[in-house]
Amino acid sequence: MKKIILLLLSALFVSNMVSAQSLAINTDGSTANASALLDVKSTSKGLLIPRMSKTDRTGIAAPATGLLVFQNAPDSLGFYYYDGIKWNWVAAINGNADTLSWKEAAMR
């Protein structure tokens, strides 16, 4: 019985410590930046954003403000983010970073 109580107290203590931490994903063992909830670090890999069709994207129930997705079909390929009211196109798949969306974002 004492072992069970000790185990439960230990689990409670560890879960409180874990919830107050940031999460680092890397290969060098470095800790996460204290200002970030998630700190991803790599010199050879990138971050893969969820990919979906326009129907999938517009079908998301109550999307969070700032939600980012990559629309891969059937039209308007590129990144979209939700601003709290509507979905906004960020960039085209053709790699043209000189779009109106990027200019507007830089001016804010």
PDB file of N, CA and C in Angstrom:
ATOM      1  N   MET A   1       0.823  -1.198   0.000  1.00  0.00           N
ATOM      2  CA  MET A   1       0.000   0.000   0.000  1.00  0.00           C
ATOM      3  C   MET A   1       0.862   1.255   0.000  1.00  0.00           C
ATOM      4  N   LYS A   2       1.962   1.230   0.780  1.00  0.00           N
ATOM      5  CA  LYS A   2       2.857   2.390   0.831  1.00  0.00           C
ATOM      6  C   LYS A   2       3.489   2.642  -0.536  1.00  0.00           C
ATOM      7  N   LYS A   3       3.803   1.564  -1.254  1.00  0.00           N
ATOM      8  CA  LYS A   3       4.403   1.708  -2.577  1.00  0.00           C
ATOM      9  C   LYS A   3       3.433   2.389  -3.547  1.00  0.00           C
ATOM     10  N   ILE A   4       2.161   2.036  -3.455  1.00  0.00           N
ATOM     11  CA  ILE A   4       1.150   2.631  -4.336  1.00  0.00           C
ATOM     12  C   ILE A   4       1.004   4.118  -4.035  1.00  0.00           C
ATOM     13  N   ILE A   5       0.957   4.476  -2.766  1.00  0.00           N
ATOM     14  CA  ILE A   5       0.835   5.890  -2.387  1.00  0.00           C
ATOM     15  C   ILE A   5       2.058   6.668  -2.835  1.00  0.00           C
ATOM     16  N   LEU A   6       3.234   6.097  -2.619  1.00  0.00           N
ATOM     17  CA  LEU A   6       4.472   6.742  -3.051  1.00  0.00           C
ATOM     18  C   LEU A   6       4.499   6.915  -4.570  1.00  0.00           C
ATOM     19  N   LEU A   7       4.054   5.900  -5.292  1.00  0.00           N
ATOM     20  CA  LEU A   7       4.001   5.975  -6.752  1.00  0.00           C
ATOM     21  C   LEU A   7       3.042   7.065  -7.217  1.00  0.00           C
ATOM     22  N   LEU A   8       1.870   7.156  -6.603  1.00  0.00           N
ATOM     23  CA  LEU A   8       0.890   8.182  -6.970  1.00  0.00           C
ATOM     24  C   LEU A   8       1.404   9.582  -6.665  1.00  0.00           C
ATOM     25  N   LEU A   9       2.039   9.760  -5.521  1.00  0.00           N
ATOM     26  CA  LEU A   9       2.599  11.075  -5.179  1.00  0.00           C
ATOM     27  C   LEU A   9       3.719  11.457  -6.142  1.00  0.00           C
ATOM     28  N   SER A  10       4.542  10.480  -6.487  1.00  0.00           N
ATOM     29  CA  SER A  10       5.619  10.746  -7.445  1.00  0.00           C
ATOM     30  C   SER A  10       5.060  11.143  -8.806  1.00  0.00           C
ATOM     31  N   ALA A  11       4.050  10.434  -9.262  1.00  0.00           N
ATOM     32  CA  ALA A  11       3.431  10.754 -10.551  1.00  0.00           C
ATOM     33  C   ALA A  11       2.820  12.148 -10.532  1.00  0.00           C
ATOM     34  N   LEU A  12       2.179  12.508  -9.431  1.00  0.00           N
ATOM     35  CA  LEU A  12       1.588  13.842  -9.302  1.00  0.00           C
ATOM     36  C   LEU A  12       2.667  14.907  -9.338  1.00  0.00           C
ATOM     37  N   PHE A  13       3.761  14.699  -8.641  1.00  0.00           N
ATOM     38  CA  PHE A  13       4.862  15.652  -8.613  1.00  0.00           C
ATOM     39  C   PHE A  13       5.476  15.824  -9.997  1.00  0.00           C
ATOM     40  N   VAL A  14       5.732  14.719 -10.679  1.00  0.00           N
ATOM     41  CA  VAL A  14       6.334  14.763 -12.015  1.00  0.00           C
ATOM     42  C   VAL A  14       5.390  15.419 -13.004  1.00  0.00           C
ATOM     43  N   SER A  15       4.099  15.137 -12.947  1.00  0.00           N
ATOM     44  CA  SER A  15       3.157  15.733 -13.897  1.00  0.00           C
ATOM     45  C   SER A  15       3.069  17.238 -13.701  1.00  0.00           C
ATOM     46  N   ASN A  16       3.181  17.724 -12.467  1.00  0.00           N
ATOM     47  CA  ASN A  16       3.191  19.176 -12.235  1.00  0.00           C
ATOM     48  C   ASN A  16       4.446  19.808 -12.797  1.00  0.00           C
ATOM     49  N   MET A  17       5.574  19.123 -12.671  1.00  0.00           N
ATOM     50  CA  MET A  17       6.822  19.653 -13.218  1.00  0.00           C
ATOM     51  C   MET A  17       6.774  19.681 -14.736  1.00  0.00           C
ATOM     52  N   VAL A  18       6.246  18.645 -15.361  1.00  0.00           N
ATOM     53  CA  VAL A  18       6.206  18.548 -16.816  1.00  0.00           C
ATOM     54  C   VAL A  18       5.285  19.608 -17.399  1.00  0.00           C
ATOM     55  N   SER A  19       4.174  19.892 -16.776  1.00  0.00           N
ATOM     56  CA  SER A  19       3.232  20.857 -17.330  1.00  0.00           C
ATOM     57  C   SER A  19       3.779  22.278 -17.317  1.00  0.00           C
ATOM     58  N   ALA A  20       4.788  22.543 -16.498  1.00  0.00           N
ATOM     59  CA  ALA A  20       5.352  23.882 -16.415  1.00  0.00           C
ATOM     60  C   ALA A  20       6.564  24.044 -17.329  1.00  0.00           C
ATOM     61  N   GLN A  21       6.893  23.038 -18.110  1.00  0.00           N
ATOM     62  CA  GLN A  21       8.085  23.053 -18.939  1.00  0.00           C
ATOM     63  C   GLN A  21       7.758  23.404 -20.384  1.00  0.00           C
ATOM     64  N   SER A  22       8.808  23.812 -21.097  1.00  0.00           N
ATOM     65  CA  SER A  22       8.729  23.949 -22.543  1.00  0.00           C
ATOM     66  C   SER A  22       9.227  22.640 -23.145  1.00  0.00           C
ATOM     67  N   LEU A  23       8.884  22.401 -24.399  1.00  0.00           N
ATOM     68  CA  LEU A  23       9.296  21.175 -25.063  1.00  0.00           C
ATOM     69  C   LEU A  23      10.308  21.504 -26.149  1.00  0.00           C
ATOM     70  N   ALA A  24      11.447  20.823 -26.101  1.00  0.00           N
ATOM     71  CA  ALA A  24      12.479  21.001 -27.119  1.00  0.00           C
ATOM     72  C   ALA A  24      12.539  19.750 -27.983  1.00  0.00           C
ATOM     73  N   ILE A  25      12.537  19.937 -29.289  1.00  0.00           N
ATOM     74  CA  ILE A  25      12.725  18.843 -30.227  1.00  0.00           C
ATOM     75  C   ILE A  25      13.990  19.166 -31.011  1.00  0.00           C
ATOM     76  N   ASN A  26      15.036  18.366 -30.782  1.00  0.00           N
ATOM     77  CA  ASN A  26      16.318  18.625 -31.425  1.00  0.00           C
ATOM     78  C   ASN A  26      17.174  17.368 -31.356  1.00  0.00           C
ATOM     79  N   THR A  27      18.354  17.445 -31.933  1.00  0.00           N
ATOM     80  CA  THR A  27      19.272  16.305 -31.882  1.00  0.00           C
ATOM     81  C   THR A  27      20.509  16.608 -31.054  1.00  0.00           C
ATOM     82  N   ASP A  28      20.608  17.833 -30.531  1.00  0.00           N
ATOM     83  CA  ASP A  28      21.807  18.195 -29.769  1.00  0.00           C
ATOM     84  C   ASP A  28      21.594  18.220 -28.254  1.00  0.00           C
ATOM     85  N   GLY A  29      20.383  17.895 -27.801  1.00  0.00           N
ATOM     86  CA  GLY A  29      20.125  17.832 -26.368  1.00  0.00           C
ATOM     87  C   GLY A  29      19.925  19.170 -25.695  1.00  0.00           C
ATOM     88  N   SER A  30      19.851  20.256 -26.457  1.00  0.00           N
ATOM     89  CA  SER A  30      19.673  21.576 -25.852  1.00  0.00           C
ATOM     90  C   SER A  30      18.269  21.730 -25.280  1.00  0.00           C
ATOM     91  N   THR A  31      18.140  22.600 -24.291  1.00  0.00           N
ATOM     92  CA  THR A  31      16.849  22.838 -23.668  1.00  0.00           C
ATOM     93  C   THR A  31      16.053  23.848 -24.484  1.00  0.00           C
ATOM     94  N   ALA A  32      14.767  23.852 -24.284  1.00  0.00           N
ATOM     95  CA  ALA A  32      13.890  24.766 -25.009  1.00  0.00           C
ATOM     96  C   ALA A  32      14.075  26.197 -24.497  1.00  0.00           C
ATOM     97  N   ASN A  33      13.899  27.150 -25.372  1.00  0.00           N
ATOM     98  CA  ASN A  33      13.901  28.546 -24.980  1.00  0.00           C
ATOM     99  C   ASN A  33      12.753  28.767 -24.003  1.00  0.00           C
ATOM    100  N   ALA A  34      13.009  29.483 -22.923  1.00  0.00           N
ATOM    101  CA  ALA A  34      12.010  29.671 -21.875  1.00  0.00           C
ATOM    102  C   ALA A  34      10.766  30.406 -22.357  1.00  0.00           C
ATOM    103  N   SER A  35      10.882  31.188 -23.417  1.00  0.00           N
ATOM    104  CA  SER A  35       9.723  31.938 -23.912  1.00  0.00           C
ATOM    105  C   SER A  35       8.866  31.136 -24.889  1.00  0.00           C
ATOM    106  N   ALA A  36       9.306  29.925 -25.221  1.00  0.00           N
ATOM    107  CA  ALA A  36       8.584  29.105 -26.200  1.00  0.00           C
ATOM    108  C   ALA A  36       7.972  27.872 -25.544  1.00  0.00           C
ATOM    109  N   LEU A  37       6.765  27.559 -25.940  1.00  0.00           N
ATOM    110  CA  LEU A  37       6.146  26.319 -25.503  1.00  0.00           C
ATOM    111  C   LEU A  37       6.760  25.146 -26.255  1.00  0.00           C
ATOM    112  N   LEU A  38       7.049  25.362 -27.546  1.00  0.00           N
ATOM    113  CA  LEU A  38       7.671  24.344 -28.381  1.00  0.00           C
ATOM    114  C   LEU A  38       8.854  24.974 -29.104  1.00  0.00           C
ATOM    115  N   ASP A  39      10.030  24.385 -28.942  1.00  0.00           N
ATOM    116  CA  ASP A  39      11.251  24.893 -29.558  1.00  0.00           C
ATOM    117  C   ASP A  39      11.833  23.793 -30.437  1.00  0.00           C
ATOM    118  N   VAL A  40      11.712  23.961 -31.761  1.00  0.00           N
ATOM    119  CA  VAL A  40      12.200  22.974 -32.715  1.00  0.00           C
ATOM    120  C   VAL A  40      13.496  23.496 -33.310  1.00  0.00           C
ATOM    121  N   LYS A  41      14.546  22.666 -33.279  1.00  0.00           N
ATOM    122  CA  LYS A  41      15.859  23.107 -33.747  1.00  0.00           C
ATOM    123  C   LYS A  41      16.479  22.030 -34.624  1.00  0.00           C
ATOM    124  N   SER A  42      16.919  22.418 -35.827  1.00  0.00           N
ATOM    125  CA  SER A  42      17.578  21.485 -36.727  1.00  0.00           C
ATOM    126  C   SER A  42      18.380  22.252 -37.761  1.00  0.00           C
ATOM    127  N   THR A  43      19.447  21.644 -38.213  1.00  0.00           N
ATOM    128  CA  THR A  43      20.217  22.235 -39.308  1.00  0.00           C
ATOM    129  C   THR A  43      20.088  21.407 -40.583  1.00  0.00           C
ATOM    130  N   SER A  44      19.282  20.329 -40.518  1.00  0.00           N
ATOM    131  CA  SER A  44      19.158  19.477 -41.691  1.00  0.00           C
ATOM    132  C   SER A  44      17.724  19.062 -42.028  1.00  0.00           C
ATOM    133  N   LYS A  45      16.753  19.495 -41.218  1.00  0.00           N
ATOM    134  CA  LYS A  45      15.367  19.130 -41.472  1.00  0.00           C
ATOM    135  C   LYS A  45      14.465  20.321 -41.187  1.00  0.00           C
ATOM    136  N   GLY A  46      13.252  20.257 -41.741  1.00  0.00           N
ATOM    137  CA  GLY A  46      12.297  21.338 -41.559  1.00  0.00           C
ATOM    138  C   GLY A  46      11.074  20.906 -40.786  1.00  0.00           C
ATOM    139  N   LEU A  47      10.124  21.810 -40.705  1.00  0.00           N
ATOM    140  CA  LEU A  47       8.861  21.572 -40.029  1.00  0.00           C
ATOM    141  C   LEU A  47       7.796  21.327 -41.083  1.00  0.00           C
ATOM    142  N   LEU A  48       7.079  20.240 -40.975  1.00  0.00           N
ATOM    143  CA  LEU A  48       6.060  19.897 -41.956  1.00  0.00           C
ATOM    144  C   LEU A  48       4.686  20.269 -41.405  1.00  0.00           C
ATOM    145  N   ILE A  49       4.079  21.256 -42.026  1.00  0.00           N
ATOM    146  CA  ILE A  49       2.770  21.764 -41.626  1.00  0.00           C
ATOM    147  C   ILE A  49       1.693  20.815 -42.183  1.00  0.00           C
ATOM    148  N   PRO A  50       0.584  20.630 -41.469  1.00  0.00           N
ATOM    149  CA  PRO A  50      -0.476  19.742 -41.978  1.00  0.00           C
ATOM    150  C   PRO A  50      -0.927  20.127 -43.387  1.00  0.00           C
ATOM    151  N   ARG A  51      -1.080  19.117 -44.235  1.00  0.00           N
ATOM    152  CA  ARG A  51      -1.475  19.307 -45.631  1.00  0.00           C
ATOM    153  C   ARG A  51      -2.897  18.817 -45.811  1.00  0.00           C
ATOM    154  N   MET A  52      -3.696  19.597 -46.534  1.00  0.00           N
ATOM    155  CA  MET A  52      -5.096  19.221 -46.734  1.00  0.00           C
ATOM    156  C   MET A  52      -5.683  19.914 -47.943  1.00  0.00           C
ATOM    157  N   SER A  53      -6.841  19.434 -48.375  1.00  0.00           N
ATOM    158  CA  SER A  53      -7.548  20.055 -49.491  1.00  0.00           C
ATOM    159  C   SER A  53      -8.312  21.279 -48.985  1.00  0.00           C
ATOM    160  N   LYS A  54      -8.834  22.053 -49.916  1.00  0.00           N
ATOM    161  CA  LYS A  54      -9.641  23.222 -49.561  1.00  0.00           C
ATOM    162  C   LYS A  54     -10.875  22.800 -48.761  1.00  0.00           C
ATOM    163  N   THR A  55     -11.480  21.688 -49.159  1.00  0.00           N
ATOM    164  CA  THR A  55     -12.653  21.173 -48.444  1.00  0.00           C
ATOM    165  C   THR A  55     -12.295  20.812 -47.008  1.00  0.00           C
ATOM    166  N   ASP A  56     -11.148  20.165 -46.828  1.00  0.00           N
ATOM    167  CA  ASP A  56     -10.694  19.826 -45.474  1.00  0.00           C
ATOM    168  C   ASP A  56     -10.460  21.088 -44.648  1.00  0.00           C
ATOM    169  N   ARG A  57      -9.761  22.070 -45.252  1.00  0.00           N
ATOM    170  CA  ARG A  57      -9.425  23.312 -44.546  1.00  0.00           C
ATOM    171  C   ARG A  57     -10.677  24.058 -44.113  1.00  0.00           C
ATOM    172  N   THR A  58     -11.606  24.241 -45.049  1.00  0.00           N
ATOM    173  CA  THR A  58     -12.821  24.996 -44.710  1.00  0.00           C
ATOM    174  C   THR A  58     -13.763  24.195 -43.829  1.00  0.00           C
ATOM    175  N   GLY A  59     -13.530  22.890 -43.723  1.00  0.00           N
ATOM    176  CA  GLY A  59     -14.358  22.041 -42.877  1.00  0.00           C
ATOM    177  C   GLY A  59     -13.902  21.967 -41.426  1.00  0.00           C
ATOM    178  N   ILE A  60     -12.806  22.638 -41.087  1.00  0.00           N
ATOM    179  CA  ILE A  60     -12.328  22.627 -39.708  1.00  0.00           C
ATOM    180  C   ILE A  60     -13.326  23.390 -38.845  1.00  0.00           C
ATOM    181  N   ALA A  61     -13.862  22.720 -37.850  1.00  0.00           N
ATOM    182  CA  ALA A  61     -14.849  23.344 -36.960  1.00  0.00           C
ATOM    183  C   ALA A  61     -14.138  24.255 -35.968  1.00  0.00           C
ATOM    184  N   ALA A  62     -14.544  25.520 -35.932  1.00  0.00           N
ATOM    185  CA  ALA A  62     -14.015  26.513 -34.987  1.00  0.00           C
ATOM    186  C   ALA A  62     -12.485  26.547 -34.972  1.00  0.00           C
ATOM    187  N   PRO A  63     -11.852  26.890 -36.102  1.00  0.00           N
ATOM    188  CA  PRO A  63     -10.391  26.934 -36.124  1.00  0.00           C
ATOM    189  C   PRO A  63      -9.860  28.014 -35.174  1.00  0.00           C
ATOM    190  N   ALA A  64      -8.730  27.727 -34.564  1.00  0.00           N
ATOM    191  CA  ALA A  64      -8.100  28.675 -33.642  1.00  0.00           C
ATOM    192  C   ALA A  64      -7.478  29.821 -34.430  1.00  0.00           C
ATOM    193  N   THR A  65      -7.497  31.011 -33.870  1.00  0.00           N
ATOM    194  CA  THR A  65      -6.823  32.149 -34.478  1.00  0.00           C
ATOM    195  C   THR A  65      -5.335  31.828 -34.569  1.00  0.00           C
ATOM    196  N   GLY A  66      -4.778  31.992 -35.765  1.00  0.00           N
ATOM    197  CA  GLY A  66      -3.371  31.691 -35.991  1.00  0.00           C
ATOM    198  C   GLY A  66      -3.116  30.302 -36.529  1.00  0.00           C
ATOM    199  N   LEU A  67      -4.158  29.492 -36.686  1.00  0.00           N
ATOM    200  CA  LEU A  67      -3.986  28.133 -37.207  1.00  0.00           C
ATOM    201  C   LEU A  67      -3.389  28.202 -38.611  1.00  0.00           C
ATOM    202  N   LEU A  68      -2.373  27.388 -38.859  1.00  0.00           N
ATOM    203  CA  LEU A  68      -1.675  27.382 -40.137  1.00  0.00           C
ATOM    204  C   LEU A  68      -1.799  26.010 -40.771  1.00  0.00           C
ATOM    205  N   VAL A  69      -2.152  25.965 -42.061  1.00  0.00           N
ATOM    206  CA  VAL A  69      -2.230  24.722 -42.824  1.00  0.00           C
ATOM    207  C   VAL A  69      -1.659  24.961 -44.215  1.00  0.00           C
ATOM    208  N   PHE A  70      -1.321  23.863 -44.895  1.00  0.00           N
ATOM    209  CA  PHE A  70      -0.891  23.945 -46.281  1.00  0.00           C
ATOM    210  C   PHE A  70      -1.955  23.288 -47.136  1.00  0.00           C
ATOM    211  N   GLN A  71      -2.553  24.064 -48.022  1.00  0.00           N
ATOM    212  CA  GLN A  71      -3.578  23.526 -48.926  1.00  0.00           C
ATOM    213  C   GLN A  71      -2.888  22.956 -50.146  1.00  0.00           C
ATOM    214  N   ASN A  72      -3.081  21.640 -50.368  1.00  0.00           N
ATOM    215  CA  ASN A  72      -2.393  20.975 -51.482  1.00  0.00           C
ATOM    216  C   ASN A  72      -3.313  20.583 -52.626  1.00  0.00           C
ATOM    217  N   ALA A  73      -4.597  20.869 -52.516  1.00  0.00           N
ATOM    218  CA  ALA A  73      -5.531  20.536 -53.586  1.00  0.00           C
ATOM    219  C   ALA A  73      -6.868  21.202 -53.312  1.00  0.00           C
ATOM    220  N   PRO A  74      -7.737  21.412 -54.199  1.00  0.00           N
ATOM    221  CA  PRO A  74      -7.596  21.305 -55.643  1.00  0.00           C
ATOM    222  C   PRO A  74      -7.163  22.620 -56.293  1.00  0.00           C
ATOM    223  N   ASP A  75      -7.303  23.752 -55.597  1.00  0.00           N
ATOM    224  CA  ASP A  75      -6.881  25.032 -56.173  1.00  0.00           C
ATOM    225  C   ASP A  75      -6.224  25.872 -55.085  1.00  0.00           C
ATOM    226  N   SER A  76      -5.668  26.989 -55.466  1.00  0.00           N
ATOM    227  CA  SER A  76      -5.041  27.918 -54.519  1.00  0.00           C
ATOM    228  C   SER A  76      -4.038  27.212 -53.616  1.00  0.00           C
ATOM    229  N   LEU A  77      -3.082  26.528 -54.222  1.00  0.00           N
ATOM    230  CA  LEU A  77      -2.048  25.850 -53.459  1.00  0.00           C
ATOM    231  C   LEU A  77      -1.253  26.843 -52.639  1.00  0.00           C
ATOM    232  N   GLY A  78      -0.945  26.486 -51.410  1.00  0.00           N
ATOM    233  CA  GLY A  78      -0.120  27.338 -50.569  1.00  0.00           C
ATOM    234  C   GLY A  78      -0.546  27.305 -49.116  1.00  0.00           C
ATOM    235  N   PHE A  79       0.088  28.171 -48.337  1.00  0.00           N
ATOM    236  CA  PHE A  79      -0.186  28.253 -46.908  1.00  0.00           C
ATOM    237  C   PHE A  79      -1.383  29.161 -46.642  1.00  0.00           C
ATOM    238  N   TYR A  80      -2.179  28.754 -45.673  1.00  0.00           N
ATOM    239  CA  TYR A  80      -3.325  29.542 -45.224  1.00  0.00           C
ATOM    240  C   TYR A  80      -3.280  29.633 -43.708  1.00  0.00           C
ATOM    241  N   TYR A  81      -3.638  30.800 -43.174  1.00  0.00           N
ATOM    242  CA  TYR A  81      -3.773  30.942 -41.726  1.00  0.00           C
ATOM    243  C   TYR A  81      -5.140  31.540 -41.427  1.00  0.00           C
ATOM    244  N   TYR A  82      -5.649  31.226 -40.235  1.00  0.00           N
ATOM    245  CA  TYR A  82      -6.962  31.705 -39.829  1.00  0.00           C
ATOM    246  C   TYR A  82      -6.756  32.902 -38.912  1.00  0.00           C
ATOM    247  N   ASP A  83      -7.358  34.048 -39.247  1.00  0.00           N
ATOM    248  CA  ASP A  83      -7.151  35.277 -38.471  1.00  0.00           C
ATOM    249  C   ASP A  83      -8.209  35.521 -37.397  1.00  0.00           C
ATOM    250  N   GLY A  84      -9.043  34.531 -37.161  1.00  0.00           N
ATOM    251  CA  GLY A  84     -10.111  34.673 -36.180  1.00  0.00           C
ATOM    252  C   GLY A  84     -11.457  34.934 -36.829  1.00  0.00           C
ATOM    253  N   ILE A  85     -11.425  35.344 -38.107  1.00  0.00           N
ATOM    254  CA  ILE A  85     -12.653  35.624 -38.852  1.00  0.00           C
ATOM    255  C   ILE A  85     -12.698  34.821 -40.150  1.00  0.00           C
ATOM    256  N   LYS A  86     -11.574  34.811 -40.863  1.00  0.00           N
ATOM    257  CA  LYS A  86     -11.537  34.137 -42.166  1.00  0.00           C
ATOM    258  C   LYS A  86     -10.160  33.545 -42.415  1.00  0.00           C
ATOM    259  N   TRP A  87     -10.105  32.629 -43.403  1.00  0.00           N
ATOM    260  CA  TRP A  87      -8.844  32.042 -43.843  1.00  0.00           C
ATOM    261  C   TRP A  87      -8.151  33.015 -44.789  1.00  0.00           C
ATOM    262  N   ASN A  88      -6.849  33.185 -44.644  1.00  0.00           N
ATOM    263  CA  ASN A  88      -6.056  34.075 -45.490  1.00  0.00           C
ATOM    264  C   ASN A  88      -4.948  33.292 -46.170  1.00  0.00           C
ATOM    265  N   TRP A  89      -4.781  33.527 -47.459  1.00  0.00           N
ATOM    266  CA  TRP A  89      -3.717  32.893 -48.244  1.00  0.00           C
ATOM    267  C   TRP A  89      -2.411  33.588 -47.912  1.00  0.00           C
ATOM    268  N   VAL A  90      -1.345  32.827 -47.710  1.00  0.00           N
ATOM    269  CA  VAL A  90      -0.058  33.408 -47.337  1.00  0.00           C
ATOM    270  C   VAL A  90       0.914  33.400 -48.505  1.00  0.00           C
ATOM    271  N   ALA A  91       1.083  32.276 -49.185  1.00  0.00           N
ATOM    272  CA  ALA A  91       2.071  32.222 -50.266  1.00  0.00           C
ATOM    273  C   ALA A  91       1.685  31.171 -51.289  1.00  0.00           C
ATOM    274  N   ALA A  92       2.086  31.410 -52.508  1.00  0.00           N
ATOM    275  CA  ALA A  92       1.802  30.463 -53.586  1.00  0.00           C
ATOM    276  C   ALA A  92       2.860  29.375 -53.599  1.00  0.00           C
ATOM    277  N   ILE A  93       2.509  28.242 -54.157  1.00  0.00           N
ATOM    278  CA  ILE A  93       3.451  27.126 -54.245  1.00  0.00           C
ATOM    279  C   ILE A  93       4.561  27.412 -55.260  1.00  0.00           C
ATOM    280  N   ASN A  94       4.371  28.401 -56.115  1.00  0.00           N
ATOM    281  CA  ASN A  94       5.381  28.689 -57.138  1.00  0.00           C
ATOM    282  C   ASN A  94       6.639  29.330 -56.559  1.00  0.00           C
ATOM    283  N   GLY A  95       6.674  29.573 -55.258  1.00  0.00           N
ATOM    284  CA  GLY A  95       7.866  30.100 -54.615  1.00  0.00           C
ATOM    285  C   GLY A  95       7.993  31.605 -54.678  1.00  0.00           C
ATOM    286  N   ASN A  96       7.024  32.291 -55.241  1.00  0.00           N
ATOM    287  CA  ASN A  96       7.087  33.742 -55.343  1.00  0.00           C
ATOM    288  C   ASN A  96       6.781  34.370 -53.993  1.00  0.00           C
ATOM    289  N   ALA A  97       7.818  34.794 -53.269  1.00  0.00           N
ATOM    290  CA  ALA A  97       7.636  35.389 -51.942  1.00  0.00           C
ATOM    291  C   ALA A  97       7.238  36.856 -52.040  1.00  0.00           C
ATOM    292  N   ASP A  98       7.230  37.430 -53.238  1.00  0.00           N
ATOM    293  CA  ASP A  98       6.894  38.831 -53.410  1.00  0.00           C
ATOM    294  C   ASP A  98       5.404  38.986 -53.710  1.00  0.00           C
ATOM    295  N   THR A  99       4.567  38.412 -52.869  1.00  0.00           N
ATOM    296  CA  THR A  99       3.125  38.474 -53.066  1.00  0.00           C
ATOM    297  C   THR A  99       2.522  39.569 -52.211  1.00  0.00           C
ATOM    298  N   LEU A 100       1.319  39.949 -52.519  1.00  0.00           N
ATOM    299  CA  LEU A 100       0.613  40.966 -51.755  1.00  0.00           C
ATOM    300  C   LEU A 100       0.452  40.532 -50.299  1.00  0.00           C
ATOM    301  N   SER A 101       0.164  39.255 -50.056  1.00  0.00           N
ATOM    302  CA  SER A 101      -0.004  38.758 -48.695  1.00  0.00           C
ATOM    303  C   SER A 101       1.253  38.960 -47.866  1.00  0.00           C
ATOM    304  N   TRP A 102       2.422  38.658 -48.447  1.00  0.00           N
ATOM    305  CA  TRP A 102       3.680  38.837 -47.707  1.00  0.00           C
ATOM    306  C   TRP A 102       3.917  40.314 -47.454  1.00  0.00           C
ATOM    307  N   LYS A 103       3.648  41.178 -48.419  1.00  0.00           N
ATOM    308  CA  LYS A 103       3.853  42.609 -48.233  1.00  0.00           C
ATOM    309  C   LYS A 103       2.970  43.151 -47.124  1.00  0.00           C
ATOM    310  N   GLU A 104       1.697  42.703 -47.106  1.00  0.00           N
ATOM    311  CA  GLU A 104       0.778  43.160 -46.071  1.00  0.00           C
ATOM    312  C   GLU A 104       1.247  42.697 -44.705  1.00  0.00           C
ATOM    313  N   ALA A 105       1.728  41.470 -44.594  1.00  0.00           N
ATOM    314  CA  ALA A 105       2.195  40.942 -43.312  1.00  0.00           C
ATOM    315  C   ALA A 105       3.409  41.730 -42.818  1.00  0.00           C
ATOM    316  N   ALA A 106       4.298  42.105 -43.735  1.00  0.00           N
ATOM    317  CA  ALA A 106       5.504  42.850 -43.350  1.00  0.00           C
ATOM    318  C   ALA A 106       5.170  44.268 -42.891  1.00  0.00           C
ATOM    319  N   MET A 107       4.071  44.824 -43.352  1.00  0.00           N
ATOM    320  CA  MET A 107       3.704  46.191 -43.007  1.00  0.00           C
ATOM    321  C   MET A 107       3.022  46.278 -41.640  1.00  0.00           C
ATOM    322  N   ARG A 108       2.536  45.146 -41.127  1.00  0.00           N
ATOM    323  CA  ARG A 108       1.820  45.174 -39.847  1.00  0.00           C
ATOM    324  C   ARG A 108       2.748  45.317 -38.687  1.00  0.00           C
TER     325      ARG A 108
END
